[in-house]
Protein backbone atom coordinates (compact mmCIF):
# COMPACT_ATOMS: atom_id res chain seq x y z
CA UNK A 1 0.00 0.00 0.00
CA UNK A 2 1.51 3.29 -1.04
CA UNK A 3 1.33 6.21 1.41
CA UNK A 4 1.02 9.80 0.26
CA UNK A 5 3.12 10.76 3.24
CA UNK A 6 2.22 13.25 5.90
CA UNK A 7 -1.13 14.84 5.13
CA UNK A 8 -1.27 18.38 6.44
CA UNK A 9 -4.47 20.16 7.37
CA UNK A 10 -6.35 21.66 4.45
CA UNK A 11 -8.37 24.07 6.54
CA UNK A 12 -7.00 27.17 4.79
CA UNK A 13 -8.50 26.27 1.46
CA UNK A 14 -11.42 24.27 2.77
CA UNK A 15 -12.92 27.02 4.86
CA UNK A 16 -15.54 29.25 3.32
CA UNK A 17 -14.50 32.43 5.06
CA UNK A 18 -11.00 33.91 5.27
CA UNK A 19 -8.79 32.47 8.02
CA UNK A 20 -7.56 35.20 10.36
CA UNK A 21 -4.12 35.31 11.90
CA UNK A 22 -2.07 37.75 13.88
CA UNK A 23 -1.19 39.88 10.86
CA UNK A 24 -4.25 39.54 8.68
CA UNK A 25 -7.68 41.07 8.93
CA UNK A 26 -10.34 38.83 7.39
CA UNK A 27 -13.54 40.68 6.42
CA UNK A 28 -16.82 39.94 8.23
CA UNK A 29 -18.97 38.51 6.44
CA UNK A 30 -26.95 28.94 -5.82
CA UNK A 31 -29.36 27.70 -8.10
CA UNK A 32 -28.31 24.08 -8.48
CA UNK A 33 -25.77 23.95 -11.24
CA UNK A 34 -23.26 21.59 -12.68
CA UNK A 35 -20.35 19.74 -11.28
CA UNK A 36 -18.21 19.48 -14.39
CA UNK A 37 -15.16 18.02 -12.69
CA UNK A 38 -13.64 14.63 -12.19
CA UNK A 39 -5.34 6.81 -6.66
CA UNK A 40 -1.43 4.63 -6.84
CA UNK A 41 0.32 7.91 -6.14
CA UNK A 42 1.91 8.36 -9.55
CA UNK A 43 -1.51 8.36 -11.26
CA UNK A 44 -3.47 10.36 -8.73
CA UNK A 45 -3.05 13.74 -10.36
CA UNK A 46 -3.75 12.35 -13.82
CA UNK A 47 -7.01 10.84 -12.64
CA UNK A 48 -8.04 14.04 -10.97
CA UNK A 49 -7.29 16.00 -14.12
CA UNK A 50 -9.52 13.70 -16.15
CA UNK A 51 -13.23 14.41 -16.79
CA UNK A 52 -15.39 13.97 -13.71
CA UNK A 53 -15.64 10.25 -12.90
CA UNK A 54 -18.75 10.95 -10.86
CA UNK A 55 -21.10 12.09 -13.62
CA UNK A 56 -24.40 10.36 -14.20
CA UNK A 57 -22.98 8.48 -17.19
CA UNK A 58 -20.77 6.52 -14.78
CA UNK A 59 -23.64 5.47 -12.55
CA UNK A 60 -23.97 2.02 -14.16
CA UNK A 61 -21.25 0.66 -11.90
CA UNK A 62 -22.51 2.33 -8.74
CA UNK A 63 -25.72 1.96 -6.82
CA UNK A 64 -28.04 4.92 -7.12
CA UNK A 65 -30.75 3.58 -4.86
CA UNK A 66 -31.98 6.15 -2.40
CA UNK A 67 -30.80 5.84 1.20
CA UNK A 68 -33.13 7.26 3.87
CA UNK A 69 -31.76 10.37 5.51
CA UNK A 70 -31.76 8.77 8.94
CA UNK A 71 -29.28 6.17 7.69
CA UNK A 72 -26.78 8.61 6.22
CA UNK A 73 -24.72 8.84 9.39
CA UNK A 74 -24.09 5.11 9.79
CA UNK A 75 -20.48 3.90 9.61
CA UNK A 76 -19.15 2.62 6.28
CA UNK A 77 -19.97 -1.04 5.66
CA UNK A 78 -17.04 -3.50 5.78
CA UNK A 79 -15.34 -4.52 2.57
CA UNK A 80 -16.57 -7.77 0.96
CA UNK A 81 -14.21 -10.73 1.31
CA UNK A 82 -12.24 -11.70 -1.78
CA UNK A 83 -13.29 -14.86 -3.67
CA UNK A 84 -11.64 -18.05 -2.49
CA UNK A 85 -8.10 -18.46 -3.77
CA UNK A 86 -7.71 -14.77 -4.66
CA UNK A 87 -5.77 -12.21 -2.69
CA UNK A 88 -7.90 -9.26 -1.60
CA UNK A 89 -7.53 -6.20 -3.83
CA UNK A 90 -5.77 -3.47 -1.91
CA UNK A 91 -6.55 0.23 -2.46
CA UNK A 92 -3.58 2.17 -3.72
CA UNK A 93 -3.85 5.09 -1.29
CA UNK A 94 -3.73 4.92 2.50
CA UNK A 95 -6.52 7.22 3.67
CA UNK A 96 -5.73 6.75 7.35
CA UNK A 97 -7.91 5.84 10.30
CA UNK A 98 -11.38 7.30 10.75
CA UNK A 99 -12.14 8.79 14.17
CA UNK A 100 -15.94 8.75 13.83
CA UNK A 101 -16.04 12.53 13.75
CA UNK A 102 -18.91 12.94 11.29
CA UNK A 103 -21.26 10.83 13.42
CA UNK A 104 -20.10 12.12 16.80
CA UNK A 105 -20.31 15.77 15.78
CA UNK A 106 -23.68 15.35 14.11
CA UNK A 107 -25.21 14.18 17.40
CA UNK A 108 -24.56 17.50 19.12
CA UNK A 109 -24.04 20.03 16.37
CA UNK A 110 -26.42 21.79 14.02
CA UNK A 111 -30.18 21.74 13.69
CA UNK A 112 -32.58 20.64 10.99
CA UNK A 113 -33.77 23.47 8.78
CA UNK A 114 -37.19 23.79 7.25
CA UNK A 115 -39.16 25.79 4.74
CA UNK A 116 -37.54 28.17 2.29
CA UNK A 117 -34.13 27.92 3.98
CA UNK A 118 -34.14 24.14 3.63
CA UNK A 119 -35.06 24.40 -0.03
CA UNK A 120 -32.30 26.94 -0.70
CA UNK A 121 -29.67 24.69 0.87
CA UNK A 122 -30.89 21.41 -0.65
CA UNK A 123 -27.76 21.23 -2.79
CA UNK A 124 -27.39 18.03 -4.78
CA UNK A 125 -25.21 17.61 -7.88
CA UNK A 126 -27.27 14.58 -9.00
CA UNK A 127 -30.07 16.94 -10.05
CA UNK A 128 -27.69 19.50 -11.47
CA UNK A 129 -29.02 21.32 -14.51
CA UNK A 130 -26.15 20.81 -16.94
CA UNK A 131 -23.75 18.07 -15.82
CA UNK A 132 -25.50 15.94 -13.18
CA UNK A 133 -23.49 13.41 -11.20
CA UNK A 134 -24.76 10.13 -9.81
CA UNK A 135 -26.63 10.33 -6.52
CA UNK A 136 -24.23 10.41 -3.57
CA UNK A 137 -24.60 9.65 0.15
CA UNK A 138 -22.19 9.53 3.05
CA UNK A 139 -22.40 5.72 3.03
CA UNK A 140 -20.84 5.66 -0.47
CA UNK A 141 -17.43 6.45 1.03
CA UNK A 142 -14.81 4.78 3.17
CA UNK A 143 -13.82 7.59 5.52
CA UNK A 144 -10.23 8.09 6.59
CA UNK A 145 -8.21 10.62 8.52
CA UNK A 146 -9.40 14.14 9.35
CA UNK A 147 -7.82 16.87 7.25
CA UNK A 148 -8.98 19.75 9.39
CA UNK A 149 -11.90 21.72 10.76
CA UNK A 150 -13.59 24.42 8.75
CA UNK A 151 -15.82 27.18 10.03
CA UNK A 152 -18.98 25.21 9.30
CA UNK A 153 -17.81 21.64 9.86
CA UNK A 154 -15.09 19.03 9.38
CA UNK A 155 -13.02 17.87 6.42
CA UNK A 156 -12.01 14.23 5.92
CA UNK A 157 -9.96 12.24 3.45
CA UNK A 158 -12.30 9.67 1.91
CA UNK A 159 -12.31 7.02 -0.81
CA UNK A 160 -15.26 5.94 -2.95
CA UNK A 161 -16.32 2.36 -2.24
CA UNK A 162 -16.99 1.70 -5.91
CA UNK A 163 -14.20 1.10 -8.41
CA UNK A 164 -11.76 2.65 -9.09
CA UNK A 165 -11.78 3.96 -5.51
CA UNK A 166 -11.17 7.66 -6.09
CA UNK A 167 -9.67 9.59 -3.19
CA UNK A 168 -11.20 12.99 -2.41
CA UNK A 169 -11.52 15.45 0.46
CA UNK A 170 -15.05 15.50 1.87
CA UNK A 171 -16.00 18.81 3.41
CA UNK A 172 -19.01 19.09 5.72
CA UNK A 173 -21.04 22.27 6.21
CA UNK A 174 -23.86 22.59 8.75
CA UNK A 175 -26.92 24.25 7.24
CA UNK A 176 -28.14 25.91 10.45
CA UNK A 177 -24.75 27.55 11.01
CA UNK A 178 -24.70 28.81 7.42
CA UNK A 179 -28.12 30.39 8.02
CA UNK A 180 -27.03 31.89 11.37
CA UNK A 181 -24.04 33.47 9.67
CA UNK A 182 -26.26 34.71 6.84
CA UNK A 183 -23.98 33.37 4.14
CA UNK A 184 -26.42 31.17 2.23
CA UNK A 185 -25.88 33.08 -0.99
CA UNK A 186 -22.11 33.14 -0.51
CA UNK A 187 -22.05 29.35 -0.07
CA UNK A 188 -24.20 28.79 -3.14
CA UNK A 189 -22.05 31.18 -5.14
CA UNK A 190 -18.85 29.44 -4.06
CA UNK A 191 -20.23 26.06 -5.10
CA UNK A 192 -21.63 27.43 -8.35
CA UNK A 193 -18.29 28.95 -9.30
CA UNK A 194 -15.92 26.18 -8.19
CA UNK A 195 -17.89 23.29 -9.68
CA UNK A 196 -17.49 24.72 -13.18
CA UNK A 197 -13.75 25.39 -13.08
CA UNK A 198 -11.34 22.99 -14.79
CA UNK A 199 -7.70 24.01 -14.50
CA UNK A 200 -4.67 22.12 -13.11
CA UNK A 201 -3.93 24.95 -10.67
CA UNK A 202 -7.47 25.25 -9.33
CA UNK A 203 -8.87 22.81 -6.79
CA UNK A 204 -11.66 20.75 -8.35
CA UNK A 205 -15.10 20.24 -6.92
CA UNK A 206 -16.43 16.88 -8.11
CA UNK A 207 -19.91 16.88 -6.65
CA UNK A 208 -22.03 17.67 -3.62
CA UNK A 209 -24.95 16.24 -1.67
CA UNK A 210 -26.87 16.91 1.54
CA UNK A 211 -28.92 15.44 4.36
CA UNK A 212 -31.30 17.12 6.81
CA UNK A 213 -28.58 19.02 8.65
CA UNK A 214 -25.48 19.05 6.44
CA UNK A 215 -24.07 19.79 3.00
CA UNK A 216 -21.12 17.69 1.80
CA UNK A 217 -18.66 18.91 -0.84
CA UNK A 218 -16.49 16.41 -2.74
CA UNK A 219 -13.21 18.22 -3.36
CA UNK A 220 -9.93 17.30 -4.98
CA UNK A 221 -7.44 15.99 -2.44
CA UNK A 222 -4.35 18.21 -2.43
CA UNK A 223 -1.73 15.68 -1.42
CA UNK A 224 0.92 18.06 -0.09
CA UNK A 225 -1.38 20.25 1.95
CA UNK A 226 -1.34 23.95 2.64
CA UNK A 227 1.09 26.28 0.94
CA UNK A 228 0.81 28.66 3.89
CA UNK A 229 2.14 25.97 6.21
CA UNK A 230 5.18 25.58 3.94
CA UNK A 231 5.72 29.35 3.93
CA UNK A 232 5.50 29.45 7.73
CA UNK A 233 7.92 26.53 8.04
CA UNK A 234 10.62 28.07 5.84
CA UNK A 235 9.92 31.75 6.56
CA UNK A 236 10.10 32.55 2.86
CA UNK A 237 10.68 30.78 -0.45
CA UNK A 238 13.64 30.94 -2.79
CA UNK A 239 13.14 33.06 -5.87
CA UNK A 240 13.18 29.92 -7.99
CA UNK A 241 10.31 28.39 -6.03
CA UNK A 242 8.45 31.69 -5.87
CA UNK A 243 8.78 32.19 -9.61
CA UNK A 244 7.31 28.76 -10.35
CA UNK A 245 4.35 29.41 -8.08
CA UNK A 246 3.67 32.88 -9.52
CA UNK A 247 3.75 31.47 -13.05
CA UNK A 248 1.14 28.88 -12.06
CA UNK A 249 -0.93 31.53 -10.29
CA UNK A 250 -0.87 33.79 -13.33
CA UNK A 251 -1.99 30.94 -15.57
CA UNK A 252 -4.87 30.08 -13.23
CA UNK A 253 -5.96 33.73 -12.98
CA UNK A 254 -5.90 34.12 -16.75
CA UNK A 255 -8.27 31.16 -16.90
CA UNK A 256 -10.54 32.55 -14.15
CA UNK A 257 -10.77 35.96 -15.78
CA UNK A 258 -11.60 34.35 -19.14
CA UNK A 259 -14.62 32.90 -17.32
CA UNK A 260 -15.45 36.35 -15.91
CA UNK A 261 -14.56 35.18 -12.40
CA UNK A 262 -12.70 37.60 -10.12
CA UNK A 263 -11.13 35.80 -7.15
CA UNK A 264 -10.72 38.82 -4.82
CA UNK A 265 -9.02 36.93 -2.00
CA UNK A 266 -5.67 35.70 -3.27
CA UNK A 267 -3.35 34.98 -0.32
CA UNK A 268 -1.14 32.09 0.86
CA UNK A 269 -3.85 30.76 3.21
CA UNK A 270 -6.12 30.06 0.24
CA UNK A 271 -3.54 28.06 -1.71
CA UNK A 272 -2.72 24.35 -1.56
CA UNK A 273 -0.15 22.02 -3.06
CA UNK A 274 -1.08 19.04 -5.21
CA UNK A 275 0.46 15.58 -5.10
CA UNK A 276 3.26 16.74 -7.45
CA UNK A 277 3.87 19.99 -5.57
CA UNK A 278 1.87 22.11 -8.01
CA UNK A 279 0.03 25.13 -6.65
CA UNK A 280 -3.77 25.04 -6.45
CA UNK A 281 -6.20 27.85 -5.69
CA UNK A 282 -8.58 26.34 -3.16
CA UNK A 283 -10.98 28.92 -1.72
CA UNK A 284 -13.63 30.82 -3.63
CA UNK A 285 -15.58 32.29 -0.71
CA UNK A 286 -15.11 35.87 -1.92
CA UNK A 287 -15.11 35.14 -5.64
CA UNK A 288 -17.71 36.64 -7.89
CA UNK A 289 -18.93 35.94 -11.38
CA UNK A 290 -18.95 39.41 -12.88
CA UNK A 291 -19.62 39.53 -16.64
CA UNK A 292 -19.36 43.33 -16.50
CA UNK A 293 -16.01 42.99 -14.67
CA UNK A 294 -16.89 45.95 -12.44
CA UNK A 295 -17.63 45.53 -8.72
CA UNK A 296 -17.82 47.74 -5.63
CA UNK A 297 -18.01 45.28 -2.69
CA UNK A 298 -15.20 45.59 -0.13
CA UNK A 299 -13.88 42.12 0.57
CA UNK A 300 -10.70 40.10 0.72
CA UNK A 301 -7.88 40.30 3.24
CA UNK A 302 -6.49 43.63 4.41
CA UNK A 303 -2.83 43.05 3.45
CA UNK A 304 -3.87 42.10 -0.08
CA UNK A 305 -6.43 44.84 -0.77
CA UNK A 306 -5.54 47.18 -3.66
CA UNK A 307 -5.86 50.98 -3.45
CA UNK A 308 -9.18 51.05 -5.32
CA UNK A 309 -10.79 48.80 -2.72
CA UNK A 310 -9.22 50.60 0.23
CA UNK A 311 -10.61 53.86 -1.16
CA UNK A 312 -14.03 52.31 -1.86
CA UNK A 313 -13.77 52.84 -5.59
CA UNK A 314 -15.13 50.58 -8.29
CA UNK A 315 -12.88 47.62 -8.98
CA UNK A 316 -12.32 45.05 -11.69
CA UNK A 317 -10.43 41.81 -12.25
CA UNK A 318 -7.24 43.85 -11.89
CA UNK A 319 -7.58 43.53 -8.11
CA UNK A 320 -6.17 40.04 -8.71
CA UNK A 321 -3.17 41.56 -10.55
CA UNK A 322 -2.37 43.62 -7.46
CA UNK A 323 -2.78 40.57 -5.20
CA UNK A 324 -0.36 38.64 -7.39
CA UNK A 325 2.22 41.37 -6.80
CA UNK A 326 1.65 41.20 -3.04
CA UNK A 327 1.93 37.40 -3.20
CA UNK A 328 5.24 37.63 -5.09
CA UNK A 329 6.62 39.97 -2.44
CA UNK A 330 5.44 37.77 0.44
CA UNK A 331 6.81 34.57 -1.08
CA UNK A 332 10.29 36.10 -1.33
CA UNK A 333 10.29 38.11 1.90
CA UNK A 334 7.99 36.17 4.21
CA UNK A 335 5.60 39.06 4.93
CA UNK A 336 3.26 41.24 2.82
CA UNK A 337 4.67 44.57 1.63
CA UNK A 338 2.23 47.00 3.25
CA UNK A 339 1.81 45.33 6.62
CA UNK A 340 2.03 47.84 9.47
CA UNK A 341 1.89 46.42 12.98
CA UNK A 342 0.78 49.75 14.48
CA UNK A 343 -2.75 49.18 13.23
CA UNK A 344 -5.13 48.65 10.34
CA UNK A 345 -5.39 52.35 9.50
CA UNK A 346 -1.64 52.54 9.01
CA UNK A 347 -1.77 49.59 6.64
CA UNK A 348 -4.63 51.22 4.70
CA UNK A 349 -2.60 54.40 4.33
CA UNK A 350 0.47 52.54 3.10
CA UNK A 351 -1.63 50.74 0.50
CA UNK A 352 -3.32 53.95 -0.68
CA UNK A 353 0.10 55.63 -1.12
CA UNK A 354 1.69 52.45 -2.52
CA UNK A 355 4.35 52.86 0.13
CA UNK A 356 6.48 50.05 -1.25
CA UNK A 357 9.86 49.23 0.27
CA UNK A 358 11.64 46.30 -1.36
CA UNK A 359 14.56 44.75 0.58
CA UNK A 360 18.00 44.66 -1.11
CA UNK A 361 18.00 40.84 -1.16
CA UNK A 362 15.30 40.82 -3.86
CA UNK A 363 16.78 40.34 -7.33
CA UNK A 364 16.40 43.10 -9.93
CA UNK A 365 14.12 40.88 -12.05
CA UNK A 366 11.80 40.07 -9.15
CA UNK A 367 11.83 43.71 -8.05
CA UNK A 368 10.77 44.79 -11.53
CA UNK A 369 7.83 42.37 -11.60
CA UNK A 370 6.64 43.42 -8.13
CA UNK A 371 6.78 47.11 -9.02
CA UNK A 372 4.95 46.58 -12.32
CA UNK A 373 2.13 44.71 -10.59
CA UNK A 374 1.80 47.03 -7.57
CA UNK A 375 0.67 50.08 -9.52
CA UNK A 376 -1.87 52.51 -8.04
CA UNK A 377 -3.65 52.80 -11.39
CA UNK A 378 -5.19 49.40 -12.19
CA UNK A 379 -4.78 50.03 -15.93
CA UNK A 380 -1.01 50.34 -15.51
CA UNK A 381 -0.60 46.95 -13.85
CA UNK A 382 1.26 44.37 -15.90
CA UNK A 383 -1.10 42.07 -17.80
CA UNK A 384 -1.10 38.45 -16.65
CA UNK A 385 -0.06 37.24 -20.08
CA UNK A 386 2.98 39.51 -19.79
CA UNK A 387 3.67 38.25 -16.28
CA UNK A 388 4.16 34.78 -17.74
CA UNK A 389 6.67 36.22 -20.24
CA UNK A 390 8.55 38.29 -17.66
CA UNK A 391 12.32 37.64 -17.40
CA UNK A 392 11.98 36.59 -13.74
CA UNK A 393 9.45 33.91 -14.72
CA UNK A 394 11.36 32.73 -17.79
CA UNK A 395 14.61 32.60 -15.82
CA UNK A 396 13.39 29.58 -13.83
CA UNK A 397 10.70 28.18 -16.09
CA UNK A 398 12.64 25.18 -17.41
CA UNK A 399 15.26 24.75 -14.71
CA UNK A 400 13.23 22.60 -12.32
CA UNK A 401 10.10 20.54 -12.39
CA UNK A 402 6.92 21.60 -10.60
CA UNK A 403 7.12 18.44 -8.53
CA UNK A 404 10.04 19.70 -6.49
CA UNK A 405 10.27 23.49 -6.36
CA UNK A 406 13.18 24.66 -4.26
C-alpha cells in the first residue's frame, strides 16, 4: 500500500471564510448547477485531471438507490471478502484511520432546517441542470483521517467504495450555522463557481450532496497540503520556487478571468499544493462571477487589498493583478509589503500611497515584476499574459520541475 506521506491540514482552502491570523484582517462577512469536474500515487493527479468520474454516465457501476436520511450517518460497511483463492484487492492510497467525527459531531451540532431555507440549501449535484453526477450519500465512502476543521464543519480524506476507488476530500457544512451566519448566498455562489472550473492549478469540486442538517462537498485531495504551512515553516521561499508558483498563479488567474470570475481573495492561506507539488487555488468564498467585470463590494484580506478597494472605488479583475504582486513579495520576503503592525489604519494608508519598500536581497528581475504589478492605477498593472513572459518567470521556467520546487 503506497502512502502519500504526511497529510497536512487543508483548513485554509477548505474554509468558506477567510482564516484570520495575527497579521491579517479577514472581512466579516446557488441555483443548483453543474459539477463538471472529475489513486497509486503516480496516477493520482492524472485521474483528478480527467473528466469527472462521478457524472451520471458513470452510474452504471454504482448503486443509485436512495438511502433514507436517517441512515446517512451510519459507519461505512465493511469490505466484501475476496473470492476463495484470490488475494484481496488493496486500495492504492492509504486514507488513514477514521475517528468517527462525522457521526459524533452530528449528534450534538447543528439543527434541521425547514421551509424556504431548507429548499435553498438542498444542494445536490445529481439533479444538477447541466452536468449531473450520480446520486451520492455519506455511506458511499470509506472515511479516513481528518484533514482539518472548517468554520462550518469538518473535512475528511475519503475514498469511494466503488471502483476505481477515487480519493477525495469530503467537506461538511452545517446548514443551520450557514443560516445563522447569513452566508447562504455566498455558499451557493462558491459552489456554483468552483464546480465549473477545470484548470490544473485550481482545486476541483467533483460533486455535492446533503442530508437534513449538512451539505457535503467532494473536493480534490491536495496531497501536499497547505502552501501557507510551507511558507510558515521556511519563513520565505527561494526566488526559484516563488517564480514557479507565480507562473502557475498567473496561468490560473488568466483562466478565471476568461470565465469572468474575479477571485478577490488571493493569499497564501487560500492556496494548496497538489500531489506533485503544483500550486492550487482552493478557496472561492469571496469570488464573484462578474460579466461586466466591475464591482464595488469591499472584501478580501487587508494586506492584499488594492488601493481602489481601500478607497471604496469601483474595482475590476485587476484587483487580482495587485494581489499577485503582493503574493510575489510575500513569497520572497515572508511578509506582505504593506503590513504595518501599528494598526489597520496605518496599513490602509500605506496601500493607498503604494508605500512600497523592497529589501535589497530581492533580485532586480523580481523587483521589476513586483513594481509593475503594484501600480496605483489598475490600468497600468502588468497584464497576466505579460507576467508569464517576464524575465523573472522565464529565468526559472525550465530549470526545475513543478514536482520539487526549491
